[in-house]
Amino acid sequence: MAAGLFITFEGIDGAGKSTHIQALARAFEAQGRAVTLTREPGGTPLAEKLRTLLLGENMDALTEALLAFAGRRDHLQQVIEPALARGEVVLCDRFTDATFAYQGAGRGFDLDVLGALETWVQATQPGAPIRQPDLTVWFDVPPAVAAERLAGARAPDRFESLPVEFFSRVAGGYAARAAAQPARFAQIDANRSKPEVWRQVAAAFVARGWLDAGTAAAQTPPAAGAAS
């Protein structure tokens, strides 16, 4: 049985990552891999309820972080860890890097507290290393460009409606996480056309031997759709 792979997609709202996670799922499936496609906040019935609260209700940064990590624990226990044990490819639209970027850098919340929560929540068992993605695909795009993509695409949630200055701080938070753990990140220039962005994404997986070049080239993202 092939070893499981845990892949996360990250970026500010409007970066376009959700378009390409679908194409990546198709590429892995074309190679015969079972794929679990999921998201955060959310991914389980309980975590989806917490997502509704997180995106819809006003609260401080600590409450946001606690809700995010509570949903993450359930997500890991109910979905991510079982899928990895089955040898599946888990593709997750956002994970812990988003909490460090949004609540840490964006809201200015204590990074040490977030680090403690990360350690407690993501340990597969007491004393074990914490669960981290095998690869994080970071869609790096100027916040002003992301805001233009989102304008009129859908009714904004309470994060999407925040000013560009907030997303500039969030983008800086992602950059700091990538600088601290460069081997785990594949930085994508998302300020490109969708075919060009997909070629960058595919190349990251071909370089690691997880996709063959022919299968990757055969996949294309949809031409239209709301950026996220």
Protein backbone atom coordinates (compact mmCIF):
# COMPACT_ATOMS: atom_id res chain seq x y z
CA MET A 1 0.00 0.00 0.00
CA ALA A 2 1.29 3.44 -0.91
CA ALA A 3 2.05 5.74 1.98
CA GLY A 4 -0.49 8.43 2.72
CA LEU A 5 0.25 12.02 1.73
CA PHE A 6 -1.02 15.07 3.55
CA ILE A 7 -1.11 18.15 1.31
CA THR A 8 -2.45 21.56 2.32
CA PHE A 9 -3.30 24.57 0.18
CA GLU A 10 -2.84 28.00 1.73
CA GLY A 11 -3.22 31.63 0.76
CA ILE A 12 -5.24 34.74 1.47
CA ASP A 13 -8.86 34.95 0.38
CA GLY A 14 -8.93 35.47 -3.39
CA ALA A 15 -5.62 33.72 -4.05
CA GLY A 16 -7.31 31.13 -6.28
CA LYS A 17 -6.19 28.00 -4.45
CA SER A 18 -9.57 26.23 -4.46
CA THR A 19 -9.60 26.12 -8.26
CA HIS A 20 -6.34 24.19 -8.35
CA ILE A 21 -6.97 21.79 -5.48
CA GLN A 22 -9.69 20.20 -7.62
CA ALA A 23 -7.29 19.75 -10.53
CA LEU A 24 -4.71 18.18 -8.23
CA ALA A 25 -7.31 15.74 -6.90
CA ARG A 26 -8.10 14.66 -10.47
CA ALA A 27 -4.39 14.21 -11.22
CA PHE A 28 -3.84 11.92 -8.25
CA GLU A 29 -7.00 9.96 -9.05
CA ALA A 30 -5.78 9.52 -12.63
CA GLN A 31 -2.75 7.75 -11.18
CA GLY A 32 -4.96 5.40 -9.19
CA ARG A 33 -4.64 7.11 -5.82
CA ALA A 34 -7.59 7.43 -3.46
CA VAL A 35 -8.08 11.10 -2.56
CA THR A 36 -9.79 12.71 0.42
CA LEU A 37 -10.62 16.32 -0.41
CA THR A 38 -11.44 18.40 2.64
CA ARG A 39 -11.19 21.89 4.11
CA GLU A 40 -10.67 24.02 7.19
CA PRO A 41 -12.41 25.45 9.00
CA GLY A 42 -14.66 22.43 8.60
CA GLY A 43 -14.22 18.93 7.30
CA THR A 44 -16.52 17.14 9.80
CA PRO A 45 -20.12 17.80 10.89
CA LEU A 46 -18.89 19.28 14.17
CA ALA A 47 -16.14 21.35 12.54
CA GLU A 48 -18.58 22.70 9.94
CA LYS A 49 -20.78 24.01 12.77
CA LEU A 50 -17.73 25.70 14.25
CA ARG A 51 -16.90 27.12 10.81
CA THR A 52 -20.32 28.79 10.69
CA LEU A 53 -19.63 30.44 14.04
CA LEU A 54 -16.07 31.42 13.12
CA LEU A 55 -17.02 33.05 9.82
CA GLY A 56 -20.28 34.57 10.94
CA GLU A 57 -20.05 35.73 14.55
CA ASN A 58 -17.99 38.55 16.02
CA MET A 59 -15.37 37.37 18.53
CA ASP A 60 -11.85 38.12 19.68
CA ALA A 61 -8.71 36.50 18.30
CA LEU A 62 -8.34 33.96 21.12
CA THR A 63 -11.91 32.74 20.64
CA GLU A 64 -11.25 32.45 16.89
CA ALA A 65 -8.11 30.42 17.54
CA LEU A 66 -9.81 28.12 20.04
CA LEU A 67 -12.68 27.42 17.63
CA ALA A 68 -10.21 26.79 14.80
CA PHE A 69 -8.16 24.34 16.84
CA ALA A 70 -11.23 22.61 18.28
CA GLY A 71 -12.49 21.94 14.77
CA ARG A 72 -8.99 20.91 13.71
CA ARG A 73 -8.74 18.30 16.44
CA ASP A 74 -12.03 16.71 15.38
CA HIS A 75 -10.97 16.94 11.73
CA LEU A 76 -7.69 15.17 12.44
CA GLN A 77 -9.32 12.46 14.50
CA GLN A 78 -12.30 11.79 12.25
CA VAL A 79 -10.99 12.42 8.73
CA ILE A 80 -7.30 13.17 8.22
CA GLU A 81 -5.58 10.51 10.33
CA PRO A 82 -7.88 7.65 9.21
CA ALA A 83 -7.41 8.59 5.54
CA LEU A 84 -3.63 8.72 5.90
CA ALA A 85 -3.68 5.32 7.64
CA ARG A 86 -5.51 3.95 4.59
CA GLY A 87 -2.74 5.26 2.32
CA GLU A 88 -4.85 8.01 0.78
CA VAL A 89 -3.82 11.44 -0.47
CA VAL A 90 -5.43 14.05 1.78
CA LEU A 91 -5.86 17.44 0.11
CA CYS A 92 -6.92 20.06 2.64
CA ASP A 93 -7.94 23.61 1.74
CA ARG A 94 -6.23 25.41 4.66
CA PHE A 95 -4.80 24.02 7.88
CA THR A 96 -2.76 25.39 10.81
CA ASP A 97 -0.71 27.85 8.74
CA ALA A 98 -3.96 29.74 8.18
CA THR A 99 -4.43 30.16 11.95
CA PHE A 100 -0.92 31.56 12.32
CA ALA A 101 -1.49 33.86 9.35
CA TYR A 102 -5.01 35.08 10.16
CA GLN A 103 -5.19 35.06 13.95
CA GLY A 104 -1.45 35.45 14.52
CA ALA A 105 -0.27 37.95 11.92
CA GLY A 106 -3.64 39.36 10.90
CA ARG A 107 -5.15 39.80 14.36
CA GLY A 108 -1.83 40.22 16.16
CA PHE A 109 -2.45 37.31 18.52
CA ASP A 110 0.37 35.71 20.55
CA LEU A 111 2.29 33.26 18.33
CA ASP A 112 3.60 31.34 21.34
CA VAL A 113 0.03 30.56 22.44
CA LEU A 114 -0.78 29.39 18.91
CA GLY A 115 2.34 27.22 18.98
CA ALA A 116 1.20 25.60 22.23
CA LEU A 117 -2.23 24.91 20.76
CA GLU A 118 -0.62 23.47 17.65
CA THR A 119 1.44 21.07 19.78
CA TRP A 120 -1.50 19.94 21.92
CA VAL A 121 -4.00 19.51 19.10
CA GLN A 122 -1.82 17.97 16.40
CA ALA A 123 -0.02 15.31 18.39
CA THR A 124 -1.13 11.96 16.99
CA GLN A 125 -0.64 10.50 20.47
CA PRO A 126 0.95 11.74 23.73
CA GLY A 127 4.63 12.45 23.20
CA ALA A 128 4.47 11.83 19.44
CA PRO A 129 5.56 14.40 16.82
CA ILE A 130 2.78 16.73 15.77
CA ARG A 131 1.01 16.12 12.48
CA GLN A 132 2.23 18.53 9.84
CA PRO A 133 1.57 18.51 6.10
CA ASP A 134 4.02 16.67 3.85
CA LEU A 135 3.74 19.70 1.56
CA THR A 136 2.02 23.07 1.82
CA VAL A 137 1.21 24.75 -1.48
CA TRP A 138 1.24 28.48 -0.77
CA PHE A 139 -0.57 30.68 -3.29
CA ASP A 140 1.23 34.00 -2.98
CA VAL A 141 -0.66 36.92 -4.50
CA PRO A 142 -0.71 40.68 -3.81
CA PRO A 143 -3.60 41.47 -1.45
CA ALA A 144 -4.95 44.17 -3.78
CA VAL A 145 -5.18 41.63 -6.63
CA ALA A 146 -6.95 39.13 -4.38
CA ALA A 147 -9.45 41.81 -3.34
CA GLU A 148 -10.23 42.58 -6.98
CA ARG A 149 -10.88 38.90 -7.65
CA LEU A 150 -13.31 38.63 -4.75
CA ALA A 151 -15.20 41.83 -5.53
CA GLY A 152 -18.71 40.84 -6.55
CA ALA A 153 -17.87 37.13 -6.66
CA ARG A 154 -20.03 36.28 -3.65
CA ALA A 155 -21.33 37.76 -0.43
CA PRO A 156 -18.23 38.19 1.75
CA ASP A 157 -17.91 36.49 5.12
CA ARG A 158 -16.61 38.53 8.05
CA PHE A 159 -12.97 37.85 7.11
CA GLU A 160 -13.35 38.56 3.39
CA SER A 161 -14.93 41.92 4.23
CA LEU A 162 -11.85 43.09 6.15
CA PRO A 163 -9.63 45.80 4.59
CA VAL A 164 -6.63 45.16 2.37
CA GLU A 165 -4.30 46.16 5.23
CA PHE A 166 -5.48 43.12 7.19
CA PHE A 167 -4.68 40.81 4.29
CA SER A 168 -1.27 42.42 3.89
CA ARG A 169 -0.51 41.32 7.44
CA VAL A 170 -1.93 37.85 6.73
CA ALA A 171 0.28 37.55 3.65
CA GLY A 172 3.25 38.46 5.82
CA GLY A 173 2.25 35.73 8.25
CA TYR A 174 2.31 33.15 5.48
CA ALA A 175 5.70 34.41 4.35
CA ALA A 176 7.05 34.03 7.89
CA ARG A 177 5.79 30.45 8.15
CA ALA A 178 7.34 29.58 4.80
CA ALA A 179 10.66 31.16 5.80
CA ALA A 180 10.69 29.15 9.05
CA GLN A 181 9.92 25.82 7.33
CA PRO A 182 11.05 26.21 3.70
CA ALA A 183 11.27 22.47 2.95
CA ARG A 184 7.56 22.09 3.66
CA PHE A 185 6.39 24.91 1.40
CA ALA A 186 6.00 25.22 -2.36
CA GLN A 187 5.56 28.93 -3.09
CA ILE A 188 3.32 29.59 -6.10
CA ASP A 189 3.15 32.91 -7.94
CA ALA A 190 -0.64 33.12 -8.02
CA ASN A 191 -0.68 36.46 -9.84
CA ARG A 192 -0.64 34.57 -13.14
CA SER A 193 -3.16 33.00 -15.49
CA LYS A 194 -4.82 29.82 -14.27
CA PRO A 195 -2.87 27.58 -16.72
CA GLU A 196 0.41 29.16 -15.61
CA VAL A 197 -0.48 28.72 -11.95
CA TRP A 198 -1.40 25.08 -12.54
CA ARG A 199 1.94 24.44 -14.26
CA GLN A 200 3.72 25.70 -11.12
CA VAL A 201 1.56 23.52 -8.87
CA ALA A 202 2.07 20.44 -11.03
CA ALA A 203 5.82 21.02 -11.22
CA ALA A 204 6.08 20.97 -7.42
CA PHE A 205 4.54 17.49 -7.31
CA VAL A 206 6.45 16.15 -10.29
CA ALA A 207 9.71 17.33 -8.70
CA ARG A 208 8.92 15.31 -5.58
CA GLY A 209 8.06 12.21 -7.58
CA TRP A 210 4.42 12.24 -6.44
CA LEU A 211 2.97 12.84 -9.92
CA ASP A 212 4.27 11.90 -13.33
CA ALA A 213 4.65 14.73 -15.83
CA GLY A 214 2.18 13.34 -18.35
CA THR A 215 -0.64 12.97 -15.85
CA ALA A 216 0.01 16.45 -14.45
CA ALA A 217 0.03 18.04 -17.90
CA ALA A 218 -3.30 16.43 -18.77
CA GLN A 219 -5.10 18.27 -15.98
CA THR A 220 -6.34 21.82 -16.32
CA PRO A 221 -8.21 24.00 -13.84
CA PRO A 222 -11.64 25.34 -14.84
CA ALA A 223 -11.58 28.57 -16.79
CA ALA A 224 -14.03 30.39 -14.56
CA GLY A 225 -15.25 30.43 -10.98
CA ALA A 226 -14.96 32.44 -7.81
CA ALA A 227 -11.46 32.82 -6.46
CA SER A 228 -10.81 31.65 -2.92
